[in-house]
Amino acid sequence: MVQFYQLFPKLRSNKFFISGYSYAGHFIPALGYTIHKNNPTAQVKINLSGMMIGNGWMDAIYQNDLGSYLYQLGLVDTTGRDVYYDYQRRFQEHMKNKEYEKAIQIRTAEVSDVYLQYVGNVSILNYLQDIVIFPTPYEQFIQRPDIRRAIHVGNTNFSFENSVVADKMGVDPVLSVKPWVEELLESYPIVFYTGQLDVVCAYPTVENFENNLNWSGEARFKNSTRQKWCVNGRQVGYLKGEHNLYDVLIRNAGHSVPFDQPEWGFLLVNSITSGSTNDPFHALDRC
């Protein structure tokens, strides 16, 4: 980023937002925190103006409650729920003892083998859909000769998923970014937006993370009023927040809001980036 602004100095005064979804719940606070800490003494300062995290994975302690959620959806019965409760209990013990390698094995089982056994062919990214069977149209598209030439990848092998990346990440998925988020909230607005139909980063777990953040605006956020959000007279979600912490639930969307509801996702991002940091929802209609 520093190199980018050195090459394009006229853009330095522009607002800079960090946005992403899923594991970006780790990446965004890490990048934001790095900018926040380096900016005071940096020769090239980055005008960090806010962050947007969609269906984010931020904290394994506060977000690991698949058992209750799957049971309330009817995707597991009490037997399956109790199996998940046992996994969650063991996970918490490993985390308490800082046995992170064992903890990540438990979490991996919860979203793979155990999920397939007790839930079956229901997408963990959108519980109204079946599990995607590869190859997908995207996978076929990206490997076309003309597309390869256009994106300059040559004969590099394409892999939809790569275990090497997961191995290199190590135990990072079960480590928390909570302290970074808490410090960032003192200076920057952070919007957590969540698709209602997601399982792996379900809305109740995101809200649980938000409600356990310790920062100066904690009480104001918890006491803020949740409002209904409408587009062309249709209710599409809910908005809540005040004083730098903001929460959005988007209906009829799963893990990837921009994919499932691109118009609503665009309206949300446009409102956040075009308005005042004190009112990221200024361009959104209330019902």
Protein backbone atom coordinates (compact mmCIF):
# COMPACT_ATOMS: atom_id res chain seq x y z
CA MET A 1 0.00 0.00 0.00
CA VAL A 2 2.82 2.40 0.79
CA GLN A 3 4.35 1.71 -2.61
CA PHE A 4 0.97 2.31 -4.27
CA TYR A 5 0.63 5.74 -2.67
CA GLN A 6 4.21 6.58 -3.57
CA LEU A 7 3.36 5.87 -7.19
CA PHE A 8 0.05 7.75 -7.03
CA PRO A 9 0.54 10.56 -4.49
CA LYS A 10 -2.61 12.41 -5.61
CA LEU A 11 -4.68 9.58 -4.14
CA ARG A 12 -3.23 9.85 -0.64
CA SER A 13 -6.00 12.12 0.60
CA ASN A 14 -8.74 9.76 -0.60
CA LYS A 15 -10.60 7.73 1.99
CA PHE A 16 -9.24 4.20 2.31
CA PHE A 17 -11.63 1.42 3.33
CA ILE A 18 -10.72 -2.21 3.95
CA SER A 19 -13.43 -4.67 2.95
CA GLY A 20 -13.85 -8.41 2.58
CA TYR A 21 -15.74 -11.42 3.85
CA SER A 22 -15.28 -14.76 5.60
CA TYR A 23 -11.65 -15.16 6.72
CA ALA A 24 -11.22 -11.47 6.01
CA GLY A 25 -12.56 -11.28 9.56
CA HIS A 26 -8.93 -12.02 10.44
CA PHE A 27 -7.18 -10.24 7.58
CA ILE A 28 -9.03 -6.91 7.84
CA PRO A 29 -8.33 -6.25 11.55
CA ALA A 30 -4.72 -7.34 11.01
CA LEU A 31 -4.22 -4.89 8.13
CA GLY A 32 -6.19 -2.14 9.84
CA TYR A 33 -4.20 -2.54 13.06
CA THR A 34 -0.91 -2.44 11.14
CA ILE A 35 -1.91 0.80 9.40
CA HIS A 36 -3.17 2.26 12.67
CA LYS A 37 0.10 1.56 14.48
CA ASN A 38 2.41 2.66 11.67
CA ASN A 39 0.58 5.79 10.49
CA PRO A 40 1.78 8.17 13.25
CA THR A 41 5.44 7.81 12.24
CA ALA A 42 5.02 6.84 8.59
CA GLN A 43 6.35 9.10 5.86
CA VAL A 44 3.47 8.00 3.63
CA LYS A 45 0.27 7.93 5.69
CA ILE A 46 -2.76 5.89 4.68
CA ASN A 47 -6.10 7.63 5.19
CA LEU A 48 -7.82 4.68 6.86
CA SER A 49 -11.51 5.63 7.08
CA GLY A 50 -13.30 2.42 8.00
CA MET A 51 -13.65 -1.33 7.64
CA MET A 52 -16.39 -3.63 6.34
CA ILE A 53 -16.44 -7.31 7.33
CA GLY A 54 -18.99 -9.63 5.74
CA ASN A 55 -19.91 -12.92 7.44
CA GLY A 56 -16.59 -12.70 9.20
CA TRP A 57 -14.66 -15.23 11.23
CA MET A 58 -12.99 -13.22 14.01
CA ASP A 59 -12.98 -15.28 17.18
CA ALA A 60 -13.28 -19.04 17.65
CA ILE A 61 -14.41 -18.76 21.27
CA TYR A 62 -17.40 -16.50 20.69
CA GLN A 63 -18.31 -17.85 17.25
CA ASN A 64 -18.12 -21.60 17.80
CA ASP A 65 -21.73 -22.58 18.52
CA LEU A 66 -22.88 -24.66 15.58
CA GLY A 67 -24.85 -27.07 17.76
CA SER A 68 -27.48 -24.59 18.95
CA TYR A 69 -27.82 -22.92 15.57
CA LEU A 70 -28.20 -26.12 13.56
CA TYR A 71 -30.75 -27.42 16.06
CA GLN A 72 -32.86 -24.24 15.86
CA LEU A 73 -32.83 -24.54 12.06
CA GLY A 74 -33.98 -28.15 12.30
CA LEU A 75 -30.87 -29.40 10.50
CA VAL A 76 -29.93 -31.64 13.43
CA ASP A 77 -32.04 -33.33 16.09
CA THR A 78 -31.17 -33.46 19.78
CA THR A 79 -28.74 -36.31 19.11
CA GLY A 80 -26.81 -34.32 16.53
CA ARG A 81 -26.99 -31.20 18.67
CA ASP A 82 -25.50 -33.04 21.64
CA VAL A 83 -22.70 -34.41 19.47
CA TYR A 84 -21.87 -30.84 18.52
CA TYR A 85 -22.09 -29.76 22.15
CA ASP A 86 -19.49 -32.40 23.01
CA TYR A 87 -17.20 -31.18 20.24
CA GLN A 88 -17.67 -27.60 21.42
CA ARG A 89 -16.85 -28.57 25.01
CA ARG A 90 -13.65 -30.28 23.91
CA PHE A 91 -12.80 -27.31 21.72
CA GLN A 92 -13.16 -24.90 24.63
CA GLU A 93 -10.93 -27.10 26.80
CA HIS A 94 -8.19 -27.17 24.18
CA MET A 95 -8.41 -23.40 23.75
CA LYS A 96 -8.25 -22.86 27.50
CA ASN A 97 -5.11 -25.01 27.66
CA LYS A 98 -3.65 -23.28 24.58
CA GLU A 99 -3.64 -26.58 22.70
CA TYR A 100 -4.35 -24.82 19.44
CA GLU A 101 -3.40 -27.68 17.13
CA LYS A 102 -5.96 -29.92 18.83
CA ALA A 103 -8.53 -27.12 18.83
CA ILE A 104 -8.25 -26.59 15.09
CA GLN A 105 -8.68 -30.32 14.49
CA ILE A 106 -11.96 -30.17 16.42
CA ARG A 107 -13.17 -27.10 14.53
CA THR A 108 -12.25 -28.67 11.19
CA ALA A 109 -14.26 -31.78 12.07
CA GLU A 110 -17.26 -29.64 13.07
CA VAL A 111 -17.49 -28.06 9.63
CA SER A 112 -16.55 -31.15 7.60
CA ASP A 113 -16.93 -34.76 8.74
CA VAL A 114 -19.40 -34.16 11.59
CA TYR A 115 -21.41 -31.74 9.47
CA LEU A 116 -21.67 -34.20 6.59
CA GLN A 117 -22.65 -37.03 8.92
CA TYR A 118 -25.42 -35.22 10.80
CA VAL A 119 -26.54 -32.51 8.36
CA GLY A 120 -25.69 -34.01 4.98
CA ASN A 121 -26.07 -32.34 1.59
CA VAL A 122 -26.89 -28.85 2.88
CA SER A 123 -24.44 -26.08 2.06
CA ILE A 124 -22.68 -24.69 5.11
CA LEU A 125 -22.53 -21.38 3.23
CA ASN A 126 -26.28 -21.14 2.54
CA TYR A 127 -28.65 -23.58 4.21
CA LEU A 128 -31.24 -23.23 1.43
CA GLN A 129 -28.81 -24.70 -1.10
CA ASP A 130 -27.24 -28.08 -1.69
CA ILE A 131 -23.50 -28.56 -1.39
CA VAL A 132 -21.84 -27.43 -4.62
CA ILE A 133 -20.51 -30.27 -6.75
CA PHE A 134 -17.33 -29.47 -8.66
CA PRO A 135 -16.40 -28.58 -11.31
CA THR A 136 -18.34 -25.35 -11.18
CA PRO A 137 -18.92 -23.11 -14.22
CA TYR A 138 -16.42 -20.69 -12.70
CA GLU A 139 -13.77 -23.40 -12.53
CA GLN A 140 -14.30 -24.21 -16.19
CA PHE A 141 -14.38 -20.53 -17.18
CA ILE A 142 -11.16 -19.56 -15.41
CA GLN A 143 -9.20 -22.28 -17.21
CA ARG A 144 -10.24 -21.33 -20.74
CA PRO A 145 -7.19 -20.48 -22.91
CA ASP A 146 -8.44 -16.96 -23.66
CA ILE A 147 -9.08 -16.25 -19.98
CA ARG A 148 -5.65 -17.60 -19.03
CA ARG A 149 -4.10 -15.19 -21.52
CA ALA A 150 -6.22 -12.28 -20.27
CA ILE A 151 -5.18 -12.73 -16.62
CA HIS A 152 -1.56 -13.62 -17.45
CA VAL A 153 -1.31 -16.95 -15.60
CA GLY A 154 0.27 -18.94 -18.43
CA ASN A 155 0.23 -22.70 -17.82
CA THR A 156 0.07 -22.44 -14.04
CA ASN A 157 -2.11 -25.21 -12.62
CA PHE A 158 -5.47 -24.05 -11.29
CA SER A 159 -6.67 -25.38 -7.94
CA PHE A 160 -10.07 -24.41 -6.53
CA GLU A 161 -8.87 -25.34 -3.05
CA ASN A 162 -5.29 -25.72 -1.92
CA SER A 163 -4.35 -27.55 1.28
CA VAL A 164 -0.89 -25.95 1.16
CA VAL A 165 -2.47 -22.60 2.03
CA ALA A 166 -4.36 -24.12 4.95
CA ASP A 167 -1.21 -25.82 6.21
CA LYS A 168 0.74 -22.56 6.06
CA MET A 169 -1.99 -20.81 8.05
CA GLY A 170 -1.35 -23.21 10.90
CA VAL A 171 -3.40 -22.45 14.01
CA ASP A 172 -4.29 -18.90 12.97
CA PRO A 173 -8.00 -19.72 12.38
CA VAL A 174 -8.56 -20.39 16.09
CA LEU A 175 -6.67 -17.33 17.30
CA SER A 176 -8.66 -14.19 18.08
CA VAL A 177 -8.46 -10.73 16.54
CA LYS A 178 -10.68 -9.35 19.30
CA PRO A 179 -8.00 -7.10 20.89
CA TRP A 180 -7.23 -5.50 17.52
CA VAL A 181 -10.91 -4.88 16.79
CA GLU A 182 -11.40 -3.32 20.22
CA GLU A 183 -8.51 -0.90 19.69
CA LEU A 184 -9.56 -0.06 16.13
CA LEU A 185 -13.10 0.77 17.26
CA GLU A 186 -11.74 3.67 19.30
CA SER A 187 -10.68 5.40 16.08
CA TYR A 188 -12.51 3.96 13.07
CA PRO A 189 -16.01 2.75 12.11
CA ILE A 190 -16.34 -0.99 11.55
CA VAL A 191 -19.42 -2.44 9.86
CA PHE A 192 -20.17 -6.14 10.30
CA TYR A 193 -22.67 -7.28 7.67
CA THR A 194 -24.01 -10.83 7.64
CA GLY A 195 -26.13 -12.87 5.26
CA GLN A 196 -28.98 -14.49 7.18
CA LEU A 197 -28.65 -17.94 5.55
CA ASP A 198 -25.01 -18.60 6.44
CA VAL A 199 -24.12 -21.43 8.80
CA VAL A 200 -20.34 -21.39 9.11
CA CYS A 201 -20.28 -17.72 10.22
CA ALA A 202 -23.88 -17.44 11.35
CA TYR A 203 -25.41 -14.13 12.42
CA PRO A 204 -25.95 -15.12 16.10
CA THR A 205 -22.25 -15.91 16.44
CA VAL A 206 -21.22 -12.61 14.84
CA GLU A 207 -23.54 -10.73 17.17
CA ASN A 208 -22.15 -12.67 20.12
CA PHE A 209 -18.68 -11.50 19.15
CA GLU A 210 -19.88 -7.89 18.85
CA ASN A 211 -21.61 -7.97 22.23
CA ASN A 212 -18.45 -9.21 23.95
CA LEU A 213 -16.18 -6.46 22.64
CA ASN A 214 -14.74 -4.28 25.40
CA TRP A 215 -14.42 -0.68 24.28
CA SER A 216 -15.62 2.81 25.15
CA GLY A 217 -18.76 2.66 22.99
CA GLU A 218 -19.91 -0.75 24.20
CA ALA A 219 -23.01 0.47 26.05
CA ARG A 220 -24.05 2.82 23.26
CA PHE A 221 -23.90 0.01 20.72
CA LYS A 222 -25.90 -2.42 22.86
CA ASN A 223 -28.55 0.23 23.55
CA SER A 224 -28.88 1.31 19.91
CA THR A 225 -32.18 0.59 18.16
CA ARG A 226 -32.33 -2.00 15.41
CA GLN A 227 -34.03 -0.60 12.31
CA LYS A 228 -35.63 -2.28 9.31
CA TRP A 229 -33.92 -1.61 5.98
CA CYS A 230 -35.98 -1.45 2.78
CA VAL A 231 -35.15 -1.24 -0.93
CA ASN A 232 -37.98 -0.11 -3.23
CA GLY A 233 -40.50 -0.80 -0.49
CA ARG A 234 -39.24 -4.32 0.19
CA GLN A 235 -37.64 -5.17 3.52
CA VAL A 236 -34.17 -6.55 2.83
CA GLY A 237 -32.50 -6.47 6.21
CA TYR A 238 -31.82 -4.82 9.55
CA LEU A 239 -29.45 -2.04 10.62
CA LYS A 240 -28.05 -1.38 14.06
CA GLY A 241 -25.18 0.54 15.57
CA GLU A 242 -23.70 3.71 16.93
CA HIS A 243 -20.31 5.26 17.65
CA ASN A 244 -18.10 3.22 15.27
CA LEU A 245 -19.64 -0.26 15.66
CA TYR A 246 -22.37 -1.14 13.17
CA ASP A 247 -24.24 -4.36 12.49
CA VAL A 248 -26.23 -5.35 9.39
CA LEU A 249 -28.26 -8.48 8.68
CA ILE A 250 -29.17 -9.06 5.04
CA ARG A 251 -32.08 -11.32 4.13
CA ASN A 252 -32.03 -13.99 1.43
CA ALA A 253 -28.23 -14.10 1.42
CA GLY A 254 -25.72 -16.64 2.63
CA HIS A 255 -21.99 -16.49 3.30
CA SER A 256 -21.32 -14.26 0.28
CA VAL A 257 -23.72 -11.31 0.31
CA PRO A 258 -22.34 -9.68 -2.89
CA PHE A 259 -22.88 -12.97 -4.74
CA ASP A 260 -26.38 -13.71 -3.42
CA GLN A 261 -27.72 -10.13 -3.31
CA PRO A 262 -25.43 -7.91 -5.41
CA GLU A 263 -27.79 -4.92 -5.55
CA TRP A 264 -28.28 -4.76 -1.80
CA GLY A 265 -24.59 -5.35 -1.22
CA PHE A 266 -23.74 -2.47 -3.56
CA LEU A 267 -26.20 -0.12 -1.86
CA LEU A 268 -24.70 -0.96 1.52
CA VAL A 269 -21.08 -0.48 0.45
CA ASN A 270 -21.93 2.71 -1.42
CA SER A 271 -23.65 4.17 1.63
CA ILE A 272 -20.74 3.30 3.91
CA THR A 273 -18.06 4.73 1.64
CA SER A 274 -19.91 7.85 0.47
CA GLY A 275 -21.17 9.24 3.74
CA SER A 276 -19.91 10.51 7.05
CA THR A 277 -18.06 8.09 9.30
CA ASN A 278 -20.69 8.95 11.91
CA ASP A 279 -23.56 7.75 9.70
CA PRO A 280 -22.60 4.87 7.40
CA PHE A 281 -26.27 4.09 6.73
CA HIS A 282 -27.18 7.61 5.55
CA ALA A 283 -28.17 6.48 2.03
CA LEU A 284 -30.28 3.49 3.10
CA ASP A 285 -34.07 3.69 3.39
CA ARG A 286 -35.74 2.63 6.62
CA CYS A 287 -39.08 0.83 6.59
